Amino acid sequence: MSVRSARPKVNDLIFRLIGRSIHPELYTTCASVDILQKDYAATLRVCETGHIASIQHKGHAVCEILTSFQNPLPSQKRLLEKPVRGCRSESVRLESGLYYQVSYQLEELDYVIFKNVHEEYLMDAQGADLAYHFISESRLTPGALSIIDYEANQNSLLIHAFHTFPDELAVVKTQSLFEF
């Protein structure tokens, strides 16, 4: 688990699914893991704004991105674009036969509950598939934390991601399923 700088405001977050690759120069990768299966390859990345899941399947690419609306990403092939507010579920069937489902939610907590949740996530991060701890911008709040766990098999990829935003006492949770 490494350490880096700050996050955007949760009100600036947007959840996107793009039917193409995203050039790595458009975001800062803090931590990543590669997943190779018979019929697909995936790269999961923690970035300053949240995460990126890049999937290659049957010659097609798709990227799930939790990012800031201020982050300049290509507008071509945007399949899904929703602000991160409350709780939402979405699904998309792509031309390549890939079926995608996602549920995501923003939880805004009081200080005591956030502190307890954050401490539990710190313990969970030690056994996570991918985790990154950001440097705190304040001595009064902990550094932001991102945790990604996944289950990969030949027919599907299930991704659970948790991102804390300590300055705003918020947690963003996502669960994504890619079925091949």
N, C-alpha and C. Protein backbone atom coordinates (compact mmCIF):
# COMPACT_ATOMS: atom_id res chain seq x y z
N MET A 1 0.86 -1.17 0.00
CA MET A 1 0.00 0.00 0.00
C MET A 1 0.90 1.23 0.00
N SER A 2 0.70 2.12 -0.96
CA SER A 2 1.52 3.31 -1.11
C SER A 2 0.76 4.56 -0.69
N VAL A 3 1.46 5.70 -0.79
CA VAL A 3 0.87 6.96 -0.35
C VAL A 3 1.05 8.02 -1.43
N ARG A 4 0.03 8.87 -1.64
CA ARG A 4 0.08 9.96 -2.61
C ARG A 4 -0.76 11.13 -2.13
N SER A 5 -1.14 12.03 -3.00
CA SER A 5 -1.83 13.26 -2.63
C SER A 5 -3.35 13.16 -2.64
N ALA A 6 -4.03 14.28 -2.86
CA ALA A 6 -5.47 14.46 -2.61
C ALA A 6 -6.40 14.00 -3.71
N ARG A 7 -7.69 14.11 -3.41
CA ARG A 7 -8.79 13.72 -4.28
C ARG A 7 -9.62 14.94 -4.67
N PRO A 8 -10.46 14.77 -5.70
CA PRO A 8 -11.41 15.84 -6.02
C PRO A 8 -12.55 15.84 -5.00
N LYS A 9 -13.41 16.80 -5.09
CA LYS A 9 -14.62 16.85 -4.26
C LYS A 9 -15.60 15.79 -4.76
N VAL A 10 -16.35 15.19 -3.84
CA VAL A 10 -17.29 14.14 -4.26
C VAL A 10 -18.38 14.69 -5.18
N ASN A 11 -18.73 15.96 -5.05
CA ASN A 11 -19.74 16.53 -5.94
C ASN A 11 -19.25 16.66 -7.38
N ASP A 12 -17.94 16.53 -7.59
CA ASP A 12 -17.37 16.60 -8.93
C ASP A 12 -17.24 15.22 -9.58
N LEU A 13 -17.60 14.15 -8.86
CA LEU A 13 -17.41 12.80 -9.38
C LEU A 13 -18.47 12.43 -10.42
N ILE A 14 -18.00 11.68 -11.41
CA ILE A 14 -18.87 11.17 -12.46
C ILE A 14 -18.44 9.74 -12.77
N PHE A 15 -19.42 8.90 -13.07
CA PHE A 15 -19.16 7.50 -13.38
C PHE A 15 -19.36 7.33 -14.88
N ARG A 16 -18.35 6.81 -15.56
CA ARG A 16 -18.42 6.67 -17.01
C ARG A 16 -18.07 5.25 -17.45
N LEU A 17 -18.70 4.85 -18.53
CA LEU A 17 -18.32 3.64 -19.26
C LEU A 17 -18.06 4.09 -20.68
N ILE A 18 -16.87 3.79 -21.17
CA ILE A 18 -16.46 4.23 -22.49
C ILE A 18 -16.10 2.99 -23.31
N GLY A 19 -16.59 2.91 -24.52
CA GLY A 19 -16.35 1.76 -25.39
C GLY A 19 -15.06 1.86 -26.17
N ARG A 20 -13.99 2.19 -25.49
CA ARG A 20 -12.67 2.28 -26.12
C ARG A 20 -11.61 2.35 -25.03
N SER A 21 -10.36 2.28 -25.44
CA SER A 21 -9.24 2.44 -24.51
C SER A 21 -9.08 3.91 -24.16
N ILE A 22 -8.51 4.15 -23.00
CA ILE A 22 -8.20 5.51 -22.56
C ILE A 22 -6.68 5.60 -22.43
N HIS A 23 -6.10 6.60 -23.04
CA HIS A 23 -4.64 6.76 -23.01
C HIS A 23 -4.17 7.04 -21.59
N PRO A 24 -3.14 6.33 -21.13
CA PRO A 24 -2.65 6.50 -19.75
C PRO A 24 -2.19 7.91 -19.39
N GLU A 25 -1.86 8.73 -20.37
CA GLU A 25 -1.44 10.09 -20.06
C GLU A 25 -2.59 10.97 -19.56
N LEU A 26 -3.83 10.51 -19.70
CA LEU A 26 -4.98 11.30 -19.29
C LEU A 26 -5.30 11.19 -17.80
N TYR A 27 -4.61 10.31 -17.09
CA TYR A 27 -4.83 10.15 -15.66
C TYR A 27 -3.54 9.69 -15.01
N THR A 28 -3.47 9.85 -13.70
CA THR A 28 -2.31 9.43 -12.92
C THR A 28 -2.63 8.09 -12.26
N THR A 29 -1.87 7.07 -12.57
CA THR A 29 -2.06 5.76 -11.96
C THR A 29 -1.26 5.71 -10.67
N CYS A 30 -1.96 5.38 -9.58
CA CYS A 30 -1.32 5.26 -8.27
C CYS A 30 -0.96 3.81 -7.96
N ALA A 31 -1.78 2.87 -8.43
CA ALA A 31 -1.54 1.44 -8.23
C ALA A 31 -2.34 0.69 -9.30
N SER A 32 -1.85 -0.48 -9.71
CA SER A 32 -2.58 -1.24 -10.73
C SER A 32 -2.33 -2.73 -10.60
N VAL A 33 -3.21 -3.50 -11.21
CA VAL A 33 -3.07 -4.95 -11.27
C VAL A 33 -3.62 -5.40 -12.63
N ASP A 34 -2.94 -6.38 -13.23
CA ASP A 34 -3.38 -6.96 -14.51
C ASP A 34 -4.03 -8.31 -14.25
N ILE A 35 -5.09 -8.59 -15.02
CA ILE A 35 -5.83 -9.84 -14.92
C ILE A 35 -5.86 -10.46 -16.30
N LEU A 36 -5.41 -11.69 -16.42
CA LEU A 36 -5.42 -12.38 -17.71
C LEU A 36 -6.26 -13.65 -17.61
N GLN A 37 -7.24 -13.74 -18.48
CA GLN A 37 -8.07 -14.93 -18.60
C GLN A 37 -8.03 -15.38 -20.05
N LYS A 38 -8.59 -16.55 -20.33
CA LYS A 38 -8.54 -17.10 -21.67
C LYS A 38 -9.15 -16.15 -22.71
N ASP A 39 -10.33 -15.57 -22.42
CA ASP A 39 -11.05 -14.78 -23.41
C ASP A 39 -11.01 -13.27 -23.19
N TYR A 40 -10.32 -12.82 -22.15
CA TYR A 40 -10.24 -11.38 -21.90
C TYR A 40 -9.01 -11.03 -21.07
N ALA A 41 -8.66 -9.77 -21.12
CA ALA A 41 -7.60 -9.23 -20.27
C ALA A 41 -8.15 -7.95 -19.64
N ALA A 42 -7.74 -7.69 -18.41
CA ALA A 42 -8.21 -6.50 -17.71
C ALA A 42 -7.07 -5.87 -16.94
N THR A 43 -7.11 -4.57 -16.82
CA THR A 43 -6.20 -3.84 -15.95
C THR A 43 -7.06 -2.98 -15.03
N LEU A 44 -6.83 -3.13 -13.75
CA LEU A 44 -7.53 -2.32 -12.75
C LEU A 44 -6.53 -1.32 -12.21
N ARG A 45 -6.95 -0.04 -12.16
CA ARG A 45 -6.06 1.02 -11.69
C ARG A 45 -6.76 1.87 -10.64
N VAL A 46 -6.00 2.22 -9.60
CA VAL A 46 -6.44 3.27 -8.69
C VAL A 46 -5.81 4.55 -9.21
N CYS A 47 -6.63 5.58 -9.35
CA CYS A 47 -6.12 6.89 -9.76
C CYS A 47 -6.59 7.91 -8.72
N GLU A 48 -6.14 9.13 -8.86
CA GLU A 48 -6.44 10.14 -7.85
C GLU A 48 -7.93 10.39 -7.68
N THR A 49 -8.69 10.24 -8.74
CA THR A 49 -10.12 10.51 -8.67
C THR A 49 -10.94 9.30 -8.25
N GLY A 50 -10.41 8.11 -8.40
CA GLY A 50 -11.15 6.89 -8.08
C GLY A 50 -10.48 5.68 -8.68
N HIS A 51 -11.09 5.12 -9.73
CA HIS A 51 -10.49 3.94 -10.36
C HIS A 51 -10.84 3.86 -11.85
N ILE A 52 -10.09 3.02 -12.53
CA ILE A 52 -10.32 2.71 -13.93
C ILE A 52 -10.20 1.21 -14.11
N ALA A 53 -11.18 0.61 -14.75
CA ALA A 53 -11.13 -0.81 -15.12
C ALA A 53 -11.12 -0.86 -16.64
N SER A 54 -10.02 -1.31 -17.22
CA SER A 54 -9.89 -1.42 -18.68
C SER A 54 -9.98 -2.88 -19.07
N ILE A 55 -10.91 -3.20 -19.96
CA ILE A 55 -11.16 -4.58 -20.36
C ILE A 55 -10.93 -4.70 -21.86
N GLN A 56 -10.21 -5.74 -22.27
CA GLN A 56 -10.02 -6.10 -23.68
C GLN A 56 -10.69 -7.44 -23.90
N HIS A 57 -11.65 -7.48 -24.86
CA HIS A 57 -12.41 -8.70 -25.12
C HIS A 57 -12.77 -8.77 -26.60
N LYS A 58 -12.37 -9.84 -27.26
CA LYS A 58 -12.69 -10.06 -28.67
C LYS A 58 -12.33 -8.87 -29.55
N GLY A 59 -11.17 -8.28 -29.31
CA GLY A 59 -10.71 -7.17 -30.12
C GLY A 59 -11.36 -5.84 -29.80
N HIS A 60 -12.20 -5.79 -28.78
CA HIS A 60 -12.86 -4.56 -28.36
C HIS A 60 -12.33 -4.14 -26.99
N ALA A 61 -12.40 -2.86 -26.71
CA ALA A 61 -11.98 -2.33 -25.42
C ALA A 61 -13.14 -1.59 -24.78
N VAL A 62 -13.22 -1.67 -23.47
CA VAL A 62 -14.20 -0.92 -22.70
C VAL A 62 -13.53 -0.49 -21.40
N CYS A 63 -13.85 0.73 -20.96
CA CYS A 63 -13.26 1.26 -19.73
C CYS A 63 -14.34 1.81 -18.81
N GLU A 64 -14.31 1.36 -17.59
CA GLU A 64 -15.16 1.91 -16.53
C GLU A 64 -14.29 2.90 -15.76
N ILE A 65 -14.82 4.10 -15.52
CA ILE A 65 -14.01 5.14 -14.89
C ILE A 65 -14.83 5.88 -13.84
N LEU A 66 -14.31 5.93 -12.64
CA LEU A 66 -14.82 6.83 -11.62
C LEU A 66 -13.86 7.99 -11.60
N THR A 67 -14.32 9.15 -12.02
CA THR A 67 -13.43 10.28 -12.22
C THR A 67 -14.15 11.59 -11.91
N SER A 68 -13.46 12.68 -12.07
CA SER A 68 -14.04 14.00 -11.92
C SER A 68 -14.57 14.47 -13.27
N PHE A 69 -15.68 15.20 -13.27
CA PHE A 69 -16.20 15.71 -14.54
C PHE A 69 -15.22 16.71 -15.16
N GLN A 70 -14.29 17.21 -14.36
CA GLN A 70 -13.29 18.15 -14.86
C GLN A 70 -12.13 17.44 -15.57
N ASN A 71 -12.05 16.13 -15.42
CA ASN A 71 -10.98 15.36 -16.05
C ASN A 71 -11.28 15.23 -17.54
N PRO A 72 -10.40 15.72 -18.40
CA PRO A 72 -10.66 15.70 -19.85
C PRO A 72 -10.49 14.30 -20.43
N LEU A 73 -11.60 13.63 -20.69
CA LEU A 73 -11.57 12.31 -21.31
C LEU A 73 -12.28 12.38 -22.65
N PRO A 74 -11.95 11.49 -23.56
CA PRO A 74 -12.59 11.51 -24.88
C PRO A 74 -14.10 11.41 -24.79
N SER A 75 -14.78 12.11 -25.68
CA SER A 75 -16.25 12.06 -25.68
C SER A 75 -16.75 10.96 -26.62
N GLN A 76 -15.86 10.42 -27.45
CA GLN A 76 -16.26 9.36 -28.38
C GLN A 76 -16.57 8.08 -27.64
N LYS A 77 -17.61 7.41 -28.04
CA LYS A 77 -18.02 6.10 -27.54
C LYS A 77 -18.36 6.08 -26.05
N ARG A 78 -18.90 7.17 -25.54
CA ARG A 78 -19.37 7.15 -24.16
C ARG A 78 -20.67 6.37 -24.11
N LEU A 79 -20.66 5.29 -23.36
CA LEU A 79 -21.82 4.41 -23.26
C LEU A 79 -22.67 4.72 -22.03
N LEU A 80 -22.03 5.30 -21.03
CA LEU A 80 -22.70 5.61 -19.78
C LEU A 80 -21.98 6.79 -19.15
N GLU A 81 -22.76 7.74 -18.64
CA GLU A 81 -22.16 8.89 -17.97
C GLU A 81 -23.17 9.42 -16.97
N LYS A 82 -22.89 9.22 -15.68
CA LYS A 82 -23.82 9.62 -14.64
C LYS A 82 -23.04 10.27 -13.49
N PRO A 83 -23.59 11.34 -12.91
CA PRO A 83 -22.96 11.90 -11.72
C PRO A 83 -23.11 10.91 -10.56
N VAL A 84 -22.15 10.93 -9.65
CA VAL A 84 -22.19 10.03 -8.50
C VAL A 84 -23.00 10.72 -7.40
N ARG A 85 -24.25 10.33 -7.29
CA ARG A 85 -25.18 10.87 -6.29
C ARG A 85 -26.04 9.72 -5.78
N GLY A 86 -26.24 9.65 -4.51
CA GLY A 86 -27.12 8.61 -3.96
C GLY A 86 -26.68 7.22 -4.37
N CYS A 87 -27.66 6.42 -4.79
CA CYS A 87 -27.40 5.03 -5.19
C CYS A 87 -28.01 4.80 -6.57
N ARG A 88 -27.23 4.18 -7.46
CA ARG A 88 -27.71 3.92 -8.83
C ARG A 88 -27.28 2.54 -9.28
N SER A 89 -28.05 1.99 -10.21
CA SER A 89 -27.69 0.75 -10.90
C SER A 89 -27.91 0.97 -12.38
N GLU A 90 -27.01 0.46 -13.18
CA GLU A 90 -27.08 0.60 -14.64
C GLU A 90 -26.64 -0.70 -15.28
N SER A 91 -27.03 -0.92 -16.54
CA SER A 91 -26.54 -2.07 -17.29
C SER A 91 -26.47 -1.71 -18.77
N VAL A 92 -25.53 -2.36 -19.47
CA VAL A 92 -25.30 -2.09 -20.89
C VAL A 92 -24.89 -3.41 -21.55
N ARG A 93 -25.44 -3.70 -22.73
CA ARG A 93 -24.97 -4.84 -23.53
C ARG A 93 -24.20 -4.24 -24.70
N LEU A 94 -22.96 -4.68 -24.86
CA LEU A 94 -22.10 -4.15 -25.91
C LEU A 94 -22.13 -5.03 -27.15
N GLU A 95 -21.72 -4.46 -28.29
CA GLU A 95 -21.71 -5.18 -29.57
C GLU A 95 -20.89 -6.45 -29.52
N SER A 96 -19.84 -6.46 -28.73
CA SER A 96 -18.95 -7.63 -28.65
C SER A 96 -19.59 -8.80 -27.91
N GLY A 97 -20.80 -8.59 -27.36
CA GLY A 97 -21.46 -9.63 -26.58
C GLY A 97 -21.24 -9.46 -25.09
N LEU A 98 -20.40 -8.55 -24.71
CA LEU A 98 -20.13 -8.28 -23.30
C LEU A 98 -21.37 -7.66 -22.65
N TYR A 99 -21.74 -8.20 -21.49
CA TYR A 99 -22.83 -7.63 -20.71
C TYR A 99 -22.24 -7.00 -19.46
N TYR A 100 -22.64 -5.77 -19.17
CA TYR A 100 -22.06 -4.99 -18.08
C TYR A 100 -23.16 -4.51 -17.14
N GLN A 101 -22.94 -4.73 -15.85
CA GLN A 101 -23.84 -4.23 -14.82
C GLN A 101 -23.02 -3.49 -13.78
N VAL A 102 -23.55 -2.41 -13.26
CA VAL A 102 -22.85 -1.68 -12.20
C VAL A 102 -23.86 -1.12 -11.21
N SER A 103 -23.47 -1.13 -9.95
CA SER A 103 -24.19 -0.43 -8.89
C SER A 103 -23.18 0.43 -8.18
N TYR A 104 -23.54 1.67 -7.92
CA TYR A 104 -22.62 2.54 -7.20
C TYR A 104 -23.40 3.46 -6.29
N GLN A 105 -22.75 3.86 -5.20
CA GLN A 105 -23.43 4.74 -4.26
C GLN A 105 -22.44 5.65 -3.54
N LEU A 106 -22.95 6.79 -3.19
CA LEU A 106 -22.21 7.76 -2.40
C LEU A 106 -22.84 7.79 -1.02
N GLU A 107 -22.04 7.54 0.01
CA GLU A 107 -22.50 7.61 1.39
C GLU A 107 -21.82 8.79 2.07
N GLU A 108 -22.61 9.68 2.62
CA GLU A 108 -22.07 10.79 3.39
C GLU A 108 -22.38 10.49 4.85
N LEU A 109 -21.33 10.44 5.69
CA LEU A 109 -21.44 9.95 7.05
C LEU A 109 -21.12 11.04 8.06
N ASP A 110 -21.51 10.82 9.32
CA ASP A 110 -21.05 11.75 10.34
C ASP A 110 -19.63 11.36 10.73
N TYR A 111 -18.96 12.24 11.45
CA TYR A 111 -17.53 12.08 11.72
C TYR A 111 -17.19 10.76 12.42
N VAL A 112 -17.91 10.40 13.47
CA VAL A 112 -17.59 9.19 14.24
C VAL A 112 -17.77 7.95 13.38
N ILE A 113 -18.85 7.87 12.63
CA ILE A 113 -19.09 6.71 11.77
C ILE A 113 -18.03 6.65 10.68
N PHE A 114 -17.72 7.79 10.05
CA PHE A 114 -16.70 7.79 9.01
C PHE A 114 -15.37 7.31 9.56
N LYS A 115 -14.99 7.79 10.72
CA LYS A 115 -13.71 7.39 11.32
C LYS A 115 -13.66 5.88 11.54
N ASN A 116 -14.75 5.28 12.04
CA ASN A 116 -14.79 3.83 12.26
C ASN A 116 -14.74 3.06 10.94
N VAL A 117 -15.51 3.52 9.95
CA VAL A 117 -15.51 2.87 8.64
C VAL A 117 -14.12 2.95 8.02
N HIS A 118 -13.51 4.12 8.09
CA HIS A 118 -12.18 4.31 7.51
C HIS A 118 -11.16 3.37 8.17
N GLU A 119 -11.21 3.23 9.47
CA GLU A 119 -10.29 2.33 10.17
C GLU A 119 -10.52 0.88 9.76
N GLU A 120 -11.78 0.49 9.57
CA GLU A 120 -12.06 -0.87 9.08
C GLU A 120 -11.48 -1.07 7.67
N TYR A 121 -11.65 -0.07 6.82
CA TYR A 121 -11.09 -0.15 5.47
C TYR A 121 -9.56 -0.24 5.50
N LEU A 122 -8.92 0.46 6.42
CA LEU A 122 -7.47 0.36 6.53
C LEU A 122 -7.04 -1.07 6.83
N MET A 123 -7.78 -1.74 7.69
CA MET A 123 -7.47 -3.14 7.98
C MET A 123 -7.76 -4.02 6.76
N ASP A 124 -8.88 -3.77 6.09
CA ASP A 124 -9.23 -4.54 4.89
C ASP A 124 -8.21 -4.34 3.77
N ALA A 125 -7.63 -3.16 3.69
CA ALA A 125 -6.67 -2.85 2.63
C ALA A 125 -5.46 -3.77 2.65
N GLN A 126 -5.10 -4.25 3.82
CA GLN A 126 -3.92 -5.11 3.93
C GLN A 126 -4.10 -6.44 3.21
N GLY A 127 -5.34 -6.90 3.08
CA GLY A 127 -5.58 -8.16 2.38
C GLY A 127 -6.25 -7.98 1.02
N ALA A 128 -6.37 -6.74 0.58
CA ALA A 128 -7.08 -6.45 -0.67
C ALA A 128 -6.24 -6.81 -1.89
N ASP A 129 -6.92 -7.02 -3.01
CA ASP A 129 -6.23 -7.28 -4.27
C ASP A 129 -5.46 -6.05 -4.74
N LEU A 130 -6.00 -4.87 -4.46
CA LEU A 130 -5.37 -3.61 -4.84
C LEU A 130 -5.80 -2.55 -3.83
N ALA A 131 -4.85 -1.82 -3.26
CA ALA A 131 -5.17 -0.78 -2.29
C ALA A 131 -4.15 0.35 -2.40
N TYR A 132 -4.61 1.55 -2.11
CA TYR A 132 -3.74 2.71 -2.15
C TYR A 132 -4.18 3.71 -1.08
N HIS A 133 -3.23 4.20 -0.30
CA HIS A 133 -3.50 5.15 0.77
C HIS A 133 -2.88 6.49 0.39
N PHE A 134 -3.71 7.51 0.30
CA PHE A 134 -3.26 8.85 -0.09
C PHE A 134 -2.80 9.63 1.14
N ILE A 135 -1.93 10.59 0.92
CA ILE A 135 -1.46 11.47 1.99
C ILE A 135 -2.60 12.40 2.40
N SER A 136 -2.74 12.61 3.69
CA SER A 136 -3.76 13.53 4.19
C SER A 136 -3.32 14.97 3.93
N GLU A 137 -4.30 15.80 3.56
CA GLU A 137 -4.01 17.22 3.38
C GLU A 137 -4.22 17.99 4.68
N SER A 138 -4.69 17.30 5.72
CA SER A 138 -4.96 17.94 6.99
C SER A 138 -4.54 17.02 8.12
N ARG A 139 -4.05 17.58 9.17
CA ARG A 139 -3.66 16.74 10.30
C ARG A 139 -4.88 16.24 11.06
N LEU A 140 -6.05 16.79 10.76
CA LEU A 140 -7.28 16.43 11.44
C LEU A 140 -8.05 15.30 10.78
N THR A 141 -7.74 14.99 9.52
CA THR A 141 -8.44 13.93 8.81
C THR A 141 -7.43 12.91 8.28
N PRO A 142 -7.85 11.65 8.18
CA PRO A 142 -6.95 10.63 7.62
C PRO A 142 -6.79 10.82 6.12
N GLY A 143 -5.79 10.20 5.54
CA GLY A 143 -5.62 10.23 4.10
C GLY A 143 -6.69 9.39 3.42
N ALA A 144 -7.07 9.80 2.22
CA ALA A 144 -8.05 9.04 1.44
C ALA A 144 -7.52 7.63 1.17
N LEU A 145 -8.44 6.71 0.95
CA LEU A 145 -8.09 5.32 0.75
C LEU A 145 -8.91 4.75 -0.39
N SER A 146 -8.27 3.95 -1.24
CA SER A 146 -8.97 3.21 -2.28
C SER A 146 -8.65 1.73 -2.13
N ILE A 147 -9.69 0.92 -2.21
CA ILE A 147 -9.54 -0.53 -2.12
C ILE A 147 -10.30 -1.15 -3.28
N ILE A 148 -9.67 -2.08 -3.98
CA ILE A 148 -10.34 -2.82 -5.05
C ILE A 148 -10.10 -4.31 -4.81
N ASP A 149 -11.19 -5.06 -4.79
CA ASP A 149 -11.14 -6.52 -4.76
C ASP A 149 -11.87 -7.02 -6.00
N TYR A 150 -11.42 -8.14 -6.52
CA TYR A 150 -12.07 -8.67 -7.71
C TYR A 150 -12.13 -10.19 -7.67
N GLU A 151 -13.08 -10.72 -8.44
CA GLU A 151 -13.20 -12.16 -8.67
C GLU A 151 -13.22 -12.35 -10.17
N ALA A 152 -12.23 -13.05 -10.67
CA ALA A 152 -12.11 -13.26 -12.11
C ALA A 152 -12.20 -14.74 -12.43
N ASN A 153 -13.03 -15.05 -13.42
CA ASN A 153 -13.03 -16.41 -13.97
C ASN A 153 -13.19 -16.29 -15.48
N GLN A 154 -13.28 -17.41 -16.15
CA GLN A 154 -13.32 -17.41 -17.61
C GLN A 154 -14.51 -16.65 -18.18
N ASN A 155 -15.63 -16.62 -17.47
CA ASN A 155 -16.86 -16.03 -18.01
C ASN A 155 -17.22 -14.67 -17.44
N SER A 156 -16.53 -14.23 -16.38
CA SER A 156 -16.93 -12.96 -15.77
C SER A 156 -15.81 -12.33 -14.95
N LEU A 157 -15.98 -11.05 -14.70
CA LEU A 157 -15.09 -10.29 -13.83
C LEU A 157 -15.98 -9.43 -12.93
N LEU A 158 -15.88 -9.66 -11.63
CA LEU A 158 -16.64 -8.92 -10.64
C LEU A 158 -15.67 -8.04 -9.86
N ILE A 159 -15.96 -6.75 -9.80
CA ILE A 159 -15.06 -5.79 -9.16
C ILE A 159 -15.82 -5.05 -8.06
N HIS A 160 -15.24 -5.04 -6.86
CA HIS A 160 -15.75 -4.25 -5.74
C HIS A 160 -14.73 -3.16 -5.45
N ALA A 161 -15.16 -1.91 -5.46
CA ALA A 161 -14.24 -0.80 -5.18
C ALA A 161 -14.83 0.09 -4.09
N PHE A 162 -13.95 0.56 -3.22
CA PHE A 162 -14.32 1.45 -2.12
C PHE A 162 -13.33 2.61 -2.13
N HIS A 163 -13.86 3.82 -2.11
CA HIS A 163 -13.02 5.02 -2.12
C HIS A 163 -13.49 5.95 -1.01
N THR A 164 -12.56 6.35 -0.13
CA THR A 164 -12.94 7.29 0.92
C THR A 164 -12.53 8.70 0.54
N PHE A 165 -13.33 9.64 1.01
CA PHE A 165 -13.10 11.07 0.80
C PHE A 165 -13.19 11.73 2.18
N PRO A 166 -12.09 11.66 2.95
CA PRO A 166 -12.12 12.10 4.36
C PRO A 166 -12.49 13.56 4.56
N ASP A 167 -12.08 14.45 3.68
CA ASP A 167 -12.39 15.87 3.87
C ASP A 167 -13.90 16.12 3.84
N GLU A 168 -14.63 15.22 3.19
CA GLU A 168 -16.08 15.37 3.08
C GLU A 168 -16.84 14.27 3.82
N LEU A 169 -16.10 13.43 4.57
CA LEU A 169 -16.70 12.34 5.33
C LEU A 169 -17.59 11.47 4.44
N ALA A 170 -17.06 11.11 3.27
CA ALA A 170 -17.84 10.37 2.29
C ALA A 170 -17.11 9.11 1.83
N VAL A 171 -17.91 8.14 1.40
CA VAL A 171 -17.40 6.89 0.84
C VAL A 171 -18.17 6.63 -0.45
N VAL A 172 -17.44 6.29 -1.51
CA VAL A 172 -18.06 5.86 -2.77
C VAL A 172 -17.79 4.37 -2.91
N LYS A 173 -18.86 3.61 -3.10
CA LYS A 173 -18.77 2.15 -3.27
C LYS A 173 -19.28 1.80 -4.65
N THR A 174 -18.56 0.92 -5.33
CA THR A 174 -19.03 0.43 -6.62
C THR A 174 -18.92 -1.08 -6.69
N GLN A 175 -19.83 -1.68 -7.41
CA GLN A 175 -19.78 -3.11 -7.72
C GLN A 175 -20.07 -3.25 -9.19
N SER A 176 -19.11 -3.79 -9.94
CA SER A 176 -19.24 -3.91 -11.39
C SER A 176 -19.11 -5.38 -11.80
N LEU A 177 -19.94 -5.79 -12.74
CA LEU A 177 -19.89 -7.14 -13.26
C LEU A 177 -19.78 -7.06 -14.78
N PHE A 178 -18.71 -7.67 -15.31
CA PHE A 178 -18.52 -7.82 -16.74
C PHE A 178 -18.73 -9.31 -17.04
N GLU A 179 -19.73 -9.63 -17.88
CA GLU A 179 -19.98 -11.01 -18.27
C GLU A 179 -19.64 -11.19 -19.73
N PHE A 180 -18.81 -12.20 -20.02
CA PHE A 180 -18.29 -12.43 -21.36
C PHE A 180 -19.00 -13.58 -22.04
